[in-house]
Amino acid sequence: MKVLIADALEKAGIDGLKACGCEVIERPGLKDAALLAALKETRCGVLVVRSTKVTGGMLRGAPALELVVRAGSGIDTIDMDAATQAGVRVCNCPGMNAVAVAELTIGLMIALDRQIVDETDDLRHGIWKKKEYSKARGLKGRTLGIVGMGRIGFEVAKRAAAFEMRLIYSDVVPNERAEREFGVRKVSFDELLETSDFVTLHVPGGADTRHMIGRMQLARMKPTAYVINCARGGIVDEEALADAIESGKLAGAAMDVYEIEPAASEREFKDPIPKVPHVYGTHHVGASTEQAQSAVAEEVVRIVRAYKDSGELLHCANPPEAVVA
């Protein structure tokens, strides 16, 4: 079975695929027309991607393609309708990066409370402002509102509980385990916005969640509150967020994902939101720890091996009725 790797994958994953008898073609950085051309040229049965978009044109133009494996959890970069119509299965690797994203979320929350980025910047410019930076509120007893209590939200709650924070969450599905283990309480989305000192987002991207944090939602939040988005760009209306912060209606925000992101091979960043004062940003690296990437690579191998050996589909994202053995 030919496997085309269109994004970076840990060496252990490459070696694992070869060990199970796959012909591995490594071409990280492929996108758009170049990826379509490679799919046609290689006639691969499996495509492995991480951040690369997989469009309907690619899926329809690659008759040999049987399976797309997303080396991560989200599948919003893949045209699922087109995949199903083309008979291409899509499998992902849910939960493998949950701890990594949760760790970054907690780190950003501490950074916001202690103004770590601003303090570091002042020190680099030879400025000492101990008095001004000695007014952090601290995390103990503060309310953390978690939007989305899935695998990542659960790991965030687990870590925030150690800080003795008051934990609430909003989700369409109750998470009784989180409630039982960490004392987190399920509330309405509106109550979460109105009472939280930090609102952290852990929901899928897509039309249903686009700008779920917009002007109306930001207006409900306390002026001392912060928003943290380590989920998907577009969940937060960045223009509305900038206006809220600059007008003093919100204390600040931390972002790992953006509405405008460069492709993996590009270096120029054009999204304006990190230029807003009191907004901290990272480079969409929430899932990018050695531990997380190793776990993802191992899961990619497990998915491909199962499909190759028995036709079994692990974590298949296509509608069940559309999957024919």
C-alpha atoms as a PDB file:
ATOM      1  CA  MET A   1       0.000   0.000   0.000  1.00  0.00           C
ATOM      2  CA  LYS A   2       1.376   3.411  -0.977  1.00  0.00           C
ATOM      3  CA  VAL A   3       1.229   6.116   1.696  1.00  0.00           C
ATOM      4  CA  LEU A   4       1.853   9.760   0.781  1.00  0.00           C
ATOM      5  CA  ILE A   5       3.017  11.933   3.691  1.00  0.00           C
ATOM      6  CA  ALA A   6       2.151  15.552   2.834  1.00  0.00           C
ATOM      7  CA  ASP A   7       3.107  17.108   6.194  1.00  0.00           C
ATOM      8  CA  ALA A   8       5.900  16.550   8.682  1.00  0.00           C
ATOM      9  CA  LEU A   9       5.545  13.298  10.606  1.00  0.00           C
ATOM     10  CA  GLU A  10       7.800  11.976  13.372  1.00  0.00           C
ATOM     11  CA  LYS A  11      10.479   9.543  12.176  1.00  0.00           C
ATOM     12  CA  ALA A  12       8.968   6.860  14.392  1.00  0.00           C
ATOM     13  CA  GLY A  13       5.783   7.158  12.358  1.00  0.00           C
ATOM     14  CA  ILE A  14       7.622   6.848   9.051  1.00  0.00           C
ATOM     15  CA  ASP A  15       9.566   3.843  10.324  1.00  0.00           C
ATOM     16  CA  GLY A  16       6.402   2.256  11.688  1.00  0.00           C
ATOM     17  CA  LEU A  17       4.605   2.564   8.359  1.00  0.00           C
ATOM     18  CA  LYS A  18       7.540   0.988   6.543  1.00  0.00           C
ATOM     19  CA  ALA A  19       7.710  -1.792   9.117  1.00  0.00           C
ATOM     20  CA  CYS A  20       4.106  -2.778   8.445  1.00  0.00           C
ATOM     21  CA  GLY A  21       4.815  -3.123   4.741  1.00  0.00           C
ATOM     22  CA  CYS A  22       3.799   0.265   3.360  1.00  0.00           C
ATOM     23  CA  GLU A  23       5.601   2.078   0.568  1.00  0.00           C
ATOM     24  CA  VAL A  24       6.094   5.507   2.121  1.00  0.00           C
ATOM     25  CA  ILE A  25       6.443   8.612  -0.037  1.00  0.00           C
ATOM     26  CA  GLU A  26       7.567  11.639   2.000  1.00  0.00           C
ATOM     27  CA  ARG A  27       6.740  15.015   0.478  1.00  0.00           C
ATOM     28  CA  PRO A  28       6.077  17.428   3.344  1.00  0.00           C
ATOM     29  CA  GLY A  29       4.980  20.906   2.331  1.00  0.00           C
ATOM     30  CA  LEU A  30       2.749  19.884  -0.558  1.00  0.00           C
ATOM     31  CA  LYS A  31      -0.439  21.895  -1.008  1.00  0.00           C
ATOM     32  CA  ASP A  32      -3.031  22.901  -3.582  1.00  0.00           C
ATOM     33  CA  ALA A  33      -2.111  21.971  -7.174  1.00  0.00           C
ATOM     34  CA  ALA A  34       1.181  20.369  -6.130  1.00  0.00           C
ATOM     35  CA  LEU A  35      -0.607  18.004  -3.766  1.00  0.00           C
ATOM     36  CA  LEU A  36      -3.191  17.070  -6.386  1.00  0.00           C
ATOM     37  CA  ALA A  37      -0.392  16.376  -8.868  1.00  0.00           C
ATOM     38  CA  ALA A  38       1.391  14.174  -6.327  1.00  0.00           C
ATOM     39  CA  LEU A  39      -1.795  12.226  -5.612  1.00  0.00           C
ATOM     40  CA  LYS A  40      -2.212  11.524  -9.314  1.00  0.00           C
ATOM     41  CA  GLU A  41       1.465  10.754  -9.873  1.00  0.00           C
ATOM     42  CA  THR A  42       1.939   8.385  -6.945  1.00  0.00           C
ATOM     43  CA  ARG A  43      -1.527   6.791  -7.111  1.00  0.00           C
ATOM     44  CA  CYS A  44      -1.299   6.422  -3.352  1.00  0.00           C
ATOM     45  CA  GLY A  45      -4.010   4.628  -1.419  1.00  0.00           C
ATOM     46  CA  VAL A  46      -3.422   6.586   1.784  1.00  0.00           C
ATOM     47  CA  LEU A  47      -2.752  10.287   2.337  1.00  0.00           C
ATOM     48  CA  VAL A  48      -1.451  11.534   5.689  1.00  0.00           C
ATOM     49  CA  VAL A  49      -1.862  15.241   6.466  1.00  0.00           C
ATOM     50  CA  ARG A  50      -1.589  17.476   9.469  1.00  0.00           C
ATOM     51  CA  SER A  51      -2.396  21.116   8.632  1.00  0.00           C
ATOM     52  CA  THR A  52      -2.605  20.814   4.850  1.00  0.00           C
ATOM     53  CA  LYS A  53      -6.058  21.391   3.376  1.00  0.00           C
ATOM     54  CA  VAL A  54      -7.608  18.512   1.459  1.00  0.00           C
ATOM     55  CA  THR A  55     -10.131  19.891  -1.016  1.00  0.00           C
ATOM     56  CA  GLY A  56     -12.921  18.348  -3.007  1.00  0.00           C
ATOM     57  CA  GLY A  57     -10.895  18.741  -6.177  1.00  0.00           C
ATOM     58  CA  MET A  58      -8.060  16.694  -4.715  1.00  0.00           C
ATOM     59  CA  LEU A  59     -10.394  13.958  -3.538  1.00  0.00           C
ATOM     60  CA  ARG A  60     -12.236  13.731  -6.833  1.00  0.00           C
ATOM     61  CA  GLY A  61      -9.000  13.882  -8.809  1.00  0.00           C
ATOM     62  CA  ALA A  62      -7.298  10.968  -7.026  1.00  0.00           C
ATOM     63  CA  PRO A  63      -9.146   7.771  -8.007  1.00  0.00           C
ATOM     64  CA  ALA A  64      -6.640   5.510  -6.230  1.00  0.00           C
ATOM     65  CA  LEU A  65      -7.070   7.284  -2.893  1.00  0.00           C
ATOM     66  CA  GLU A  66      -8.929   5.223  -0.288  1.00  0.00           C
ATOM     67  CA  LEU A  67      -8.033   6.760   3.053  1.00  0.00           C
ATOM     68  CA  VAL A  68      -7.027  10.165   4.425  1.00  0.00           C
ATOM     69  CA  VAL A  69      -5.459  10.158   7.882  1.00  0.00           C
ATOM     70  CA  ARG A  70      -5.449  13.435   9.769  1.00  0.00           C
ATOM     71  CA  ALA A  71      -2.417  13.440  12.075  1.00  0.00           C
ATOM     72  CA  GLY A  72      -4.340  15.300  14.759  1.00  0.00           C
ATOM     73  CA  SER A  73      -7.899  15.594  15.991  1.00  0.00           C
ATOM     74  CA  GLY A  74      -9.663  18.319  13.990  1.00  0.00           C
ATOM     75  CA  ILE A  75     -10.947  17.513  10.500  1.00  0.00           C
ATOM     76  CA  ASP A  76     -12.068  21.003   9.461  1.00  0.00           C
ATOM     77  CA  THR A  77      -9.212  21.178   6.926  1.00  0.00           C
ATOM     78  CA  ILE A  78     -10.700  18.248   5.003  1.00  0.00           C
ATOM     79  CA  ASP A  79     -13.760  18.499   2.735  1.00  0.00           C
ATOM     80  CA  MET A  80     -15.746  15.755   4.426  1.00  0.00           C
ATOM     81  CA  ASP A  81     -18.739  15.905   2.091  1.00  0.00           C
ATOM     82  CA  ALA A  82     -16.487  15.507  -0.932  1.00  0.00           C
ATOM     83  CA  ALA A  83     -14.585  12.681   0.754  1.00  0.00           C
ATOM     84  CA  THR A  84     -17.769  10.766   1.465  1.00  0.00           C
ATOM     85  CA  GLN A  85     -19.074  11.335  -2.055  1.00  0.00           C
ATOM     86  CA  ALA A  86     -15.767  10.130  -3.501  1.00  0.00           C
ATOM     87  CA  GLY A  87     -15.770   7.028  -1.313  1.00  0.00           C
ATOM     88  CA  VAL A  88     -12.681   8.157   0.578  1.00  0.00           C
ATOM     89  CA  ARG A  89     -12.568   7.345   4.277  1.00  0.00           C
ATOM     90  CA  VAL A  90     -11.205   9.925   6.707  1.00  0.00           C
ATOM     91  CA  CYS A  91      -9.730   8.913  10.058  1.00  0.00           C
ATOM     92  CA  ASN A  92      -8.210  11.166  12.712  1.00  0.00           C
ATOM     93  CA  CYS A  93      -6.157  10.835  15.890  1.00  0.00           C
ATOM     94  CA  PRO A  94      -8.360  12.217  18.677  1.00  0.00           C
ATOM     95  CA  GLY A  95      -6.938  12.884  22.109  1.00  0.00           C
ATOM     96  CA  MET A  96      -3.288  12.355  21.238  1.00  0.00           C
ATOM     97  CA  ASN A  97      -2.489  16.066  21.685  1.00  0.00           C
ATOM     98  CA  ALA A  98      -4.930  16.828  24.494  1.00  0.00           C
ATOM     99  CA  VAL A  99      -2.300  17.116  27.220  1.00  0.00           C
ATOM    100  CA  ALA A 100      -0.061  19.335  25.083  1.00  0.00           C
ATOM    101  CA  VAL A 101      -2.880  21.773  24.298  1.00  0.00           C
ATOM    102  CA  ALA A 102      -3.993  21.796  27.923  1.00  0.00           C
ATOM    103  CA  GLU A 103      -0.461  22.594  29.081  1.00  0.00           C
ATOM    104  CA  LEU A 104      -0.242  25.551  26.711  1.00  0.00           C
ATOM    105  CA  THR A 105      -3.659  26.771  27.843  1.00  0.00           C
ATOM    106  CA  ILE A 106      -2.566  26.794  31.474  1.00  0.00           C
ATOM    107  CA  GLY A 107       0.705  28.465  30.525  1.00  0.00           C
ATOM    108  CA  LEU A 108      -1.103  31.239  28.675  1.00  0.00           C
ATOM    109  CA  MET A 109      -3.473  31.744  31.588  1.00  0.00           C
ATOM    110  CA  ILE A 110      -0.563  32.210  33.986  1.00  0.00           C
ATOM    111  CA  ALA A 111       1.179  34.491  31.478  1.00  0.00           C
ATOM    112  CA  LEU A 112      -1.905  36.707  31.247  1.00  0.00           C
ATOM    113  CA  ASP A 113      -2.362  36.933  34.996  1.00  0.00           C
ATOM    114  CA  ARG A 114       1.320  37.737  35.620  1.00  0.00           C
ATOM    115  CA  GLN A 115       1.833  39.774  32.399  1.00  0.00           C
ATOM    116  CA  ILE A 116       4.900  37.654  31.698  1.00  0.00           C
ATOM    117  CA  VAL A 117       5.256  38.717  28.067  1.00  0.00           C
ATOM    118  CA  ASP A 118       5.087  42.431  28.898  1.00  0.00           C
ATOM    119  CA  GLU A 119       7.490  42.035  31.801  1.00  0.00           C
ATOM    120  CA  THR A 120      10.006  40.222  29.609  1.00  0.00           C
ATOM    121  CA  ASP A 121       9.699  42.832  26.874  1.00  0.00           C
ATOM    122  CA  ASP A 122      10.367  45.648  29.349  1.00  0.00           C
ATOM    123  CA  LEU A 123      13.426  43.875  30.744  1.00  0.00           C
ATOM    124  CA  ARG A 124      14.808  43.418  27.236  1.00  0.00           C
ATOM    125  CA  HIS A 125      14.483  47.161  26.754  1.00  0.00           C
ATOM    126  CA  GLY A 126      16.203  47.919  30.074  1.00  0.00           C
ATOM    127  CA  ILE A 127      13.008  48.967  31.871  1.00  0.00           C
ATOM    128  CA  TRP A 128      12.341  48.028  35.527  1.00  0.00           C
ATOM    129  CA  LYS A 129       8.687  48.305  36.616  1.00  0.00           C
ATOM    130  CA  LYS A 130       8.346  46.131  39.705  1.00  0.00           C
ATOM    131  CA  LYS A 131       5.614  48.271  41.255  1.00  0.00           C
ATOM    132  CA  GLU A 132       3.412  48.211  38.157  1.00  0.00           C
ATOM    133  CA  TYR A 133       3.799  44.444  37.762  1.00  0.00           C
ATOM    134  CA  SER A 134       3.109  43.611  41.406  1.00  0.00           C
ATOM    135  CA  LYS A 135      -0.675  43.646  41.012  1.00  0.00           C
ATOM    136  CA  ALA A 136      -1.452  40.179  39.648  1.00  0.00           C
ATOM    137  CA  ARG A 137      -4.767  38.834  40.911  1.00  0.00           C
ATOM    138  CA  GLY A 138      -3.601  35.210  41.150  1.00  0.00           C
ATOM    139  CA  LEU A 139      -5.444  32.085  40.013  1.00  0.00           C
ATOM    140  CA  LYS A 140      -6.594  30.513  43.286  1.00  0.00           C
ATOM    141  CA  GLY A 141     -10.331  31.025  43.678  1.00  0.00           C
ATOM    142  CA  ARG A 142     -10.729  32.575  40.229  1.00  0.00           C
ATOM    143  CA  THR A 143     -13.359  31.206  37.884  1.00  0.00           C
ATOM    144  CA  LEU A 144     -12.243  29.353  34.779  1.00  0.00           C
ATOM    145  CA  GLY A 145     -14.958  28.830  32.183  1.00  0.00           C
ATOM    146  CA  ILE A 146     -14.219  25.943  29.819  1.00  0.00           C
ATOM    147  CA  VAL A 147     -16.179  25.977  26.569  1.00  0.00           C
ATOM    148  CA  GLY A 148     -16.173  22.378  25.381  1.00  0.00           C
ATOM    149  CA  MET A 149     -15.534  19.584  27.889  1.00  0.00           C
ATOM    150  CA  GLY A 150     -14.067  17.009  25.519  1.00  0.00           C
ATOM    151  CA  ARG A 151     -10.630  15.459  25.824  1.00  0.00           C
ATOM    152  CA  ILE A 152      -8.760  18.782  25.858  1.00  0.00           C
ATOM    153  CA  GLY A 153     -11.262  20.528  28.105  1.00  0.00           C
ATOM    154  CA  PHE A 154     -10.991  17.613  30.527  1.00  0.00           C
ATOM    155  CA  GLU A 155      -7.200  17.898  30.671  1.00  0.00           C
ATOM    156  CA  VAL A 156      -7.464  21.662  31.213  1.00  0.00           C
ATOM    157  CA  ALA A 157      -9.873  21.102  34.107  1.00  0.00           C
ATOM    158  CA  LYS A 158      -7.549  18.492  35.600  1.00  0.00           C
ATOM    159  CA  ARG A 159      -4.676  20.967  35.699  1.00  0.00           C
ATOM    160  CA  ALA A 160      -6.705  24.004  36.732  1.00  0.00           C
ATOM    161  CA  ALA A 161      -8.120  22.061  39.681  1.00  0.00           C
ATOM    162  CA  ALA A 162      -4.587  21.853  41.073  1.00  0.00           C
ATOM    163  CA  PHE A 163      -4.563  25.670  41.178  1.00  0.00           C
ATOM    164  CA  GLU A 164      -7.750  25.559  43.293  1.00  0.00           C
ATOM    165  CA  MET A 165      -9.711  27.466  40.688  1.00  0.00           C
ATOM    166  CA  ARG A 166     -13.501  27.483  40.526  1.00  0.00           C
ATOM    167  CA  LEU A 167     -14.343  25.440  37.434  1.00  0.00           C
ATOM    168  CA  ILE A 168     -17.414  25.726  35.235  1.00  0.00           C
ATOM    169  CA  TYR A 169     -18.070  24.484  31.721  1.00  0.00           C
ATOM    170  CA  SER A 170     -20.488  24.735  28.844  1.00  0.00           C
ATOM    171  CA  ASP A 171     -21.125  21.862  26.444  1.00  0.00           C
ATOM    172  CA  VAL A 172     -24.051  20.224  24.687  1.00  0.00           C
ATOM    173  CA  VAL A 173     -23.010  16.928  26.297  1.00  0.00           C
ATOM    174  CA  PRO A 174     -22.484  16.651  30.079  1.00  0.00           C
ATOM    175  CA  ASN A 175     -19.135  15.289  31.234  1.00  0.00           C
ATOM    176  CA  GLU A 176     -19.994  13.458  34.431  1.00  0.00           C
ATOM    177  CA  ARG A 177     -16.442  12.226  34.910  1.00  0.00           C
ATOM    178  CA  ALA A 178     -15.066  15.780  34.948  1.00  0.00           C
ATOM    179  CA  GLU A 179     -17.830  16.857  37.307  1.00  0.00           C
ATOM    180  CA  ARG A 180     -17.074  13.966  39.637  1.00  0.00           C
ATOM    181  CA  GLU A 181     -13.267  14.156  39.586  1.00  0.00           C
ATOM    182  CA  PHE A 182     -12.663  17.913  39.513  1.00  0.00           C
ATOM    183  CA  GLY A 183     -15.865  19.428  40.884  1.00  0.00           C
ATOM    184  CA  VAL A 184     -16.475  21.251  37.619  1.00  0.00           C
ATOM    185  CA  ARG A 185     -20.061  22.491  37.215  1.00  0.00           C
ATOM    186  CA  LYS A 186     -22.069  22.588  33.983  1.00  0.00           C
ATOM    187  CA  VAL A 187     -23.686  25.972  33.289  1.00  0.00           C
ATOM    188  CA  SER A 188     -25.279  27.778  30.377  1.00  0.00           C
ATOM    189  CA  PHE A 189     -23.020  29.481  27.867  1.00  0.00           C
ATOM    190  CA  ASP A 190     -24.336  32.883  28.951  1.00  0.00           C
ATOM    191  CA  GLU A 191     -23.661  32.203  32.638  1.00  0.00           C
ATOM    192  CA  LEU A 192     -20.161  31.038  31.793  1.00  0.00           C
ATOM    193  CA  LEU A 193     -19.423  34.262  29.932  1.00  0.00           C
ATOM    194  CA  GLU A 194     -20.870  36.462  32.665  1.00  0.00           C
ATOM    195  CA  THR A 195     -19.097  34.860  35.634  1.00  0.00           C
ATOM    196  CA  SER A 196     -15.712  33.655  34.354  1.00  0.00           C
ATOM    197  CA  ASP A 197     -12.394  35.375  34.983  1.00  0.00           C
ATOM    198  CA  PHE A 198     -10.905  33.321  32.147  1.00  0.00           C
ATOM    199  CA  VAL A 199     -12.829  31.815  29.233  1.00  0.00           C
ATOM    200  CA  THR A 200     -10.938  29.080  27.392  1.00  0.00           C
ATOM    201  CA  LEU A 201     -12.226  27.598  24.141  1.00  0.00           C
ATOM    202  CA  HIS A 202     -11.950  23.921  23.248  1.00  0.00           C
ATOM    203  CA  VAL A 203     -14.502  23.275  20.513  1.00  0.00           C
ATOM    204  CA  PRO A 204     -14.162  22.140  16.884  1.00  0.00           C
ATOM    205  CA  GLY A 205     -13.893  24.667  14.082  1.00  0.00           C
ATOM    206  CA  GLY A 206     -16.490  25.006  11.369  1.00  0.00           C
ATOM    207  CA  ALA A 207     -19.673  26.862  10.520  1.00  0.00           C
ATOM    208  CA  ASP A 208     -21.382  25.948  13.802  1.00  0.00           C
ATOM    209  CA  THR A 209     -18.700  27.588  15.947  1.00  0.00           C
ATOM    210  CA  ARG A 210     -17.536  30.424  13.707  1.00  0.00           C
ATOM    211  CA  HIS A 211     -17.478  33.675  15.731  1.00  0.00           C
ATOM    212  CA  MET A 212     -19.201  32.007  18.666  1.00  0.00           C
ATOM    213  CA  ILE A 213     -17.266  34.629  20.639  1.00  0.00           C
ATOM    214  CA  GLY A 214     -18.429  37.840  18.976  1.00  0.00           C
ATOM    215  CA  ARG A 215     -19.490  41.299  20.058  1.00  0.00           C
ATOM    216  CA  MET A 216     -22.591  40.150  21.932  1.00  0.00           C
ATOM    217  CA  GLN A 217     -20.702  37.461  23.823  1.00  0.00           C
ATOM    218  CA  LEU A 218     -17.767  39.736  24.670  1.00  0.00           C
ATOM    219  CA  ALA A 219     -20.205  42.345  25.981  1.00  0.00           C
ATOM    220  CA  ARG A 220     -21.446  39.802  28.538  1.00  0.00           C
ATOM    221  CA  MET A 221     -17.986  39.255  29.981  1.00  0.00           C
ATOM    222  CA  LYS A 222     -16.447  41.087  32.918  1.00  0.00           C
ATOM    223  CA  PRO A 223     -14.020  43.899  32.031  1.00  0.00           C
ATOM    224  CA  THR A 224     -11.373  42.085  34.104  1.00  0.00           C
ATOM    225  CA  ALA A 225     -11.784  38.822  32.183  1.00  0.00           C
ATOM    226  CA  TYR A 226      -9.586  37.168  29.559  1.00  0.00           C
ATOM    227  CA  VAL A 227     -10.266  34.971  26.520  1.00  0.00           C
ATOM    228  CA  ILE A 228      -7.939  32.088  25.594  1.00  0.00           C
ATOM    229  CA  ASN A 229      -8.254  30.388  22.204  1.00  0.00           C
ATOM    230  CA  CYS A 230      -6.146  27.287  21.585  1.00  0.00           C
ATOM    231  CA  ALA A 231      -8.849  25.634  19.482  1.00  0.00           C
ATOM    232  CA  ARG A 232      -9.396  26.968  15.964  1.00  0.00           C
ATOM    233  CA  GLY A 233      -9.044  30.325  14.272  1.00  0.00           C
ATOM    234  CA  GLY A 234     -12.414  31.826  13.472  1.00  0.00           C
ATOM    235  CA  ILE A 235     -14.095  30.766  16.703  1.00  0.00           C
ATOM    236  CA  VAL A 236     -13.327  34.255  17.998  1.00  0.00           C
ATOM    237  CA  ASP A 237     -14.316  37.353  16.024  1.00  0.00           C
ATOM    238  CA  GLU A 238     -10.898  38.994  16.174  1.00  0.00           C
ATOM    239  CA  GLU A 239     -12.135  42.435  15.139  1.00  0.00           C
ATOM    240  CA  ALA A 240     -14.694  42.394  17.945  1.00  0.00           C
ATOM    241  CA  LEU A 241     -12.055  41.096  20.358  1.00  0.00           C
ATOM    242  CA  ALA A 242      -9.656  43.902  19.469  1.00  0.00           C
ATOM    243  CA  ASP A 243     -12.396  46.503  19.940  1.00  0.00           C
ATOM    244  CA  ALA A 244     -13.359  45.080  23.341  1.00  0.00           C
ATOM    245  CA  ILE A 245      -9.771  45.109  24.612  1.00  0.00           C
ATOM    246  CA  GLU A 246      -8.867  48.523  23.227  1.00  0.00           C
ATOM    247  CA  SER A 247     -12.034  50.060  24.710  1.00  0.00           C
ATOM    248  CA  GLY A 248     -11.350  48.577  28.149  1.00  0.00           C
ATOM    249  CA  LYS A 249     -14.334  46.216  28.071  1.00  0.00           C
ATOM    250  CA  LEU A 250     -12.065  43.173  28.300  1.00  0.00           C
ATOM    251  CA  ALA A 251      -8.708  42.765  30.047  1.00  0.00           C
ATOM    252  CA  GLY A 252      -6.952  40.822  27.311  1.00  0.00           C
ATOM    253  CA  ALA A 253      -6.601  37.569  25.421  1.00  0.00           C
ATOM    254  CA  ALA A 254      -4.182  34.815  24.469  1.00  0.00           C
ATOM    255  CA  MET A 255      -4.280  33.116  21.086  1.00  0.00           C
ATOM    256  CA  ASP A 256      -2.573  30.109  19.561  1.00  0.00           C
ATOM    257  CA  VAL A 257      -4.812  30.081  16.464  1.00  0.00           C
ATOM    258  CA  TYR A 258      -5.893  32.868  14.137  1.00  0.00           C
ATOM    259  CA  GLU A 259      -8.366  33.766  11.428  1.00  0.00           C
ATOM    260  CA  ILE A 260      -5.445  34.416   9.072  1.00  0.00           C
ATOM    261  CA  GLU A 261      -2.639  31.860   9.268  1.00  0.00           C
ATOM    262  CA  PRO A 262       0.236  31.298   6.843  1.00  0.00           C
ATOM    263  CA  ALA A 263       0.741  27.930   5.203  1.00  0.00           C
ATOM    264  CA  ALA A 264       3.327  25.627   6.745  1.00  0.00           C
ATOM    265  CA  SER A 265       5.929  26.650   4.153  1.00  0.00           C
ATOM    266  CA  GLU A 266       5.377  30.407   4.605  1.00  0.00           C
ATOM    267  CA  ARG A 267       7.084  32.727   7.081  1.00  0.00           C
ATOM    268  CA  GLU A 268       5.091  35.966   6.871  1.00  0.00           C
ATOM    269  CA  PHE A 269       2.312  36.450   9.433  1.00  0.00           C
ATOM    270  CA  LYS A 270      -0.378  38.937   8.472  1.00  0.00           C
ATOM    271  CA  ASP A 271      -3.082  38.584  11.107  1.00  0.00           C
ATOM    272  CA  PRO A 272      -3.274  41.893  13.042  1.00  0.00           C
ATOM    273  CA  ILE A 273      -4.638  40.642  16.381  1.00  0.00           C
ATOM    274  CA  PRO A 274      -1.254  40.072  18.161  1.00  0.00           C
ATOM    275  CA  LYS A 275      -0.459  43.757  17.645  1.00  0.00           C
ATOM    276  CA  VAL A 276      -3.297  44.695  20.001  1.00  0.00           C
ATOM    277  CA  PRO A 277      -2.011  45.550  23.511  1.00  0.00           C
ATOM    278  CA  HIS A 278      -2.742  42.860  26.122  1.00  0.00           C
ATOM    279  CA  VAL A 279      -3.011  40.123  23.493  1.00  0.00           C
ATOM    280  CA  TYR A 280      -0.455  37.334  23.809  1.00  0.00           C
ATOM    281  CA  GLY A 281       0.149  34.994  20.895  1.00  0.00           C
ATOM    282  CA  THR A 282       1.865  31.746  20.052  1.00  0.00           C
ATOM    283  CA  HIS A 283       2.470  30.166  16.653  1.00  0.00           C
ATOM    284  CA  HIS A 284      -0.275  27.489  16.494  1.00  0.00           C
ATOM    285  CA  VAL A 285       1.944  25.171  18.476  1.00  0.00           C
ATOM    286  CA  GLY A 286      -0.558  23.870  21.013  1.00  0.00           C
ATOM    287  CA  ALA A 287      -0.153  20.292  19.839  1.00  0.00           C
ATOM    288  CA  SER A 288       3.532  20.641  19.039  1.00  0.00           C
ATOM    289  CA  THR A 289       5.386  18.910  21.819  1.00  0.00           C
ATOM    290  CA  GLU A 290       7.637  15.899  21.308  1.00  0.00           C
ATOM    291  CA  GLN A 291       5.325  13.829  23.487  1.00  0.00           C
ATOM    292  CA  ALA A 292       2.220  14.769  21.520  1.00  0.00           C
ATOM    293  CA  GLN A 293       3.771  14.332  18.102  1.00  0.00           C
ATOM    294  CA  SER A 294       5.168  10.923  19.030  1.00  0.00           C
ATOM    295  CA  ALA A 295       1.729   9.839  20.221  1.00  0.00           C
ATOM    296  CA  VAL A 296       0.126  11.118  17.010  1.00  0.00           C
ATOM    297  CA  ALA A 297       2.699   9.315  14.860  1.00  0.00           C
ATOM    298  CA  GLU A 298       2.059   6.057  16.691  1.00  0.00           C
ATOM    299  CA  GLU A 299      -1.689   6.469  16.179  1.00  0.00           C
ATOM    300  CA  VAL A 300      -1.229   7.160  12.460  1.00  0.00           C
ATOM    301  CA  VAL A 301       0.664   3.878  12.164  1.00  0.00           C
ATOM    302  CA  ARG A 302      -2.035   2.044  14.111  1.00  0.00           C
ATOM    303  CA  ILE A 303      -4.769   3.440  11.842  1.00  0.00           C
ATOM    304  CA  VAL A 304      -2.962   2.603   8.607  1.00  0.00           C
ATOM    305  CA  ARG A 305      -1.944  -0.857   9.805  1.00  0.00           C
ATOM    306  CA  ALA A 306      -5.515  -1.721  10.813  1.00  0.00           C
ATOM    307  CA  TYR A 307      -6.875  -0.576   7.474  1.00  0.00           C
ATOM    308  CA  LYS A 308      -4.162  -2.348   5.486  1.00  0.00           C
ATOM    309  CA  ASP A 309      -4.432  -5.636   7.351  1.00  0.00           C
ATOM    310  CA  SER A 310      -8.189  -5.954   7.834  1.00  0.00           C
ATOM    311  CA  GLY A 311      -9.996  -2.959   6.364  1.00  0.00           C
ATOM    312  CA  GLU A 312     -10.863  -1.795   9.885  1.00  0.00           C
ATOM    313  CA  LEU A 313     -11.422   1.960  10.185  1.00  0.00           C
ATOM    314  CA  LEU A 314     -10.244   3.458  13.470  1.00  0.00           C
ATOM    315  CA  HIS A 315     -11.736   6.844  14.404  1.00  0.00           C
ATOM    316  CA  CYS A 316     -13.575   7.088  11.085  1.00  0.00           C
ATOM    317  CA  ALA A 317     -15.106  10.555  10.652  1.00  0.00           C
ATOM    318  CA  ASN A 318     -17.367   9.777   7.697  1.00  0.00           C
ATOM    319  CA  PRO A 319     -21.073   9.255   8.437  1.00  0.00           C
ATOM    320  CA  PRO A 320     -21.559   5.609   9.540  1.00  0.00           C
ATOM    321  CA  GLU A 321     -24.084   4.930   6.799  1.00  0.00           C
ATOM    322  CA  ALA A 322     -21.541   6.088   4.200  1.00  0.00           C
ATOM    323  CA  VAL A 323     -18.828   3.653   5.262  1.00  0.00           C
ATOM    324  CA  VAL A 324     -19.020   0.417   3.339  1.00  0.00           C
ATOM    325  CA  ALA A 325     -16.666  -2.394   4.313  1.00  0.00           C
END
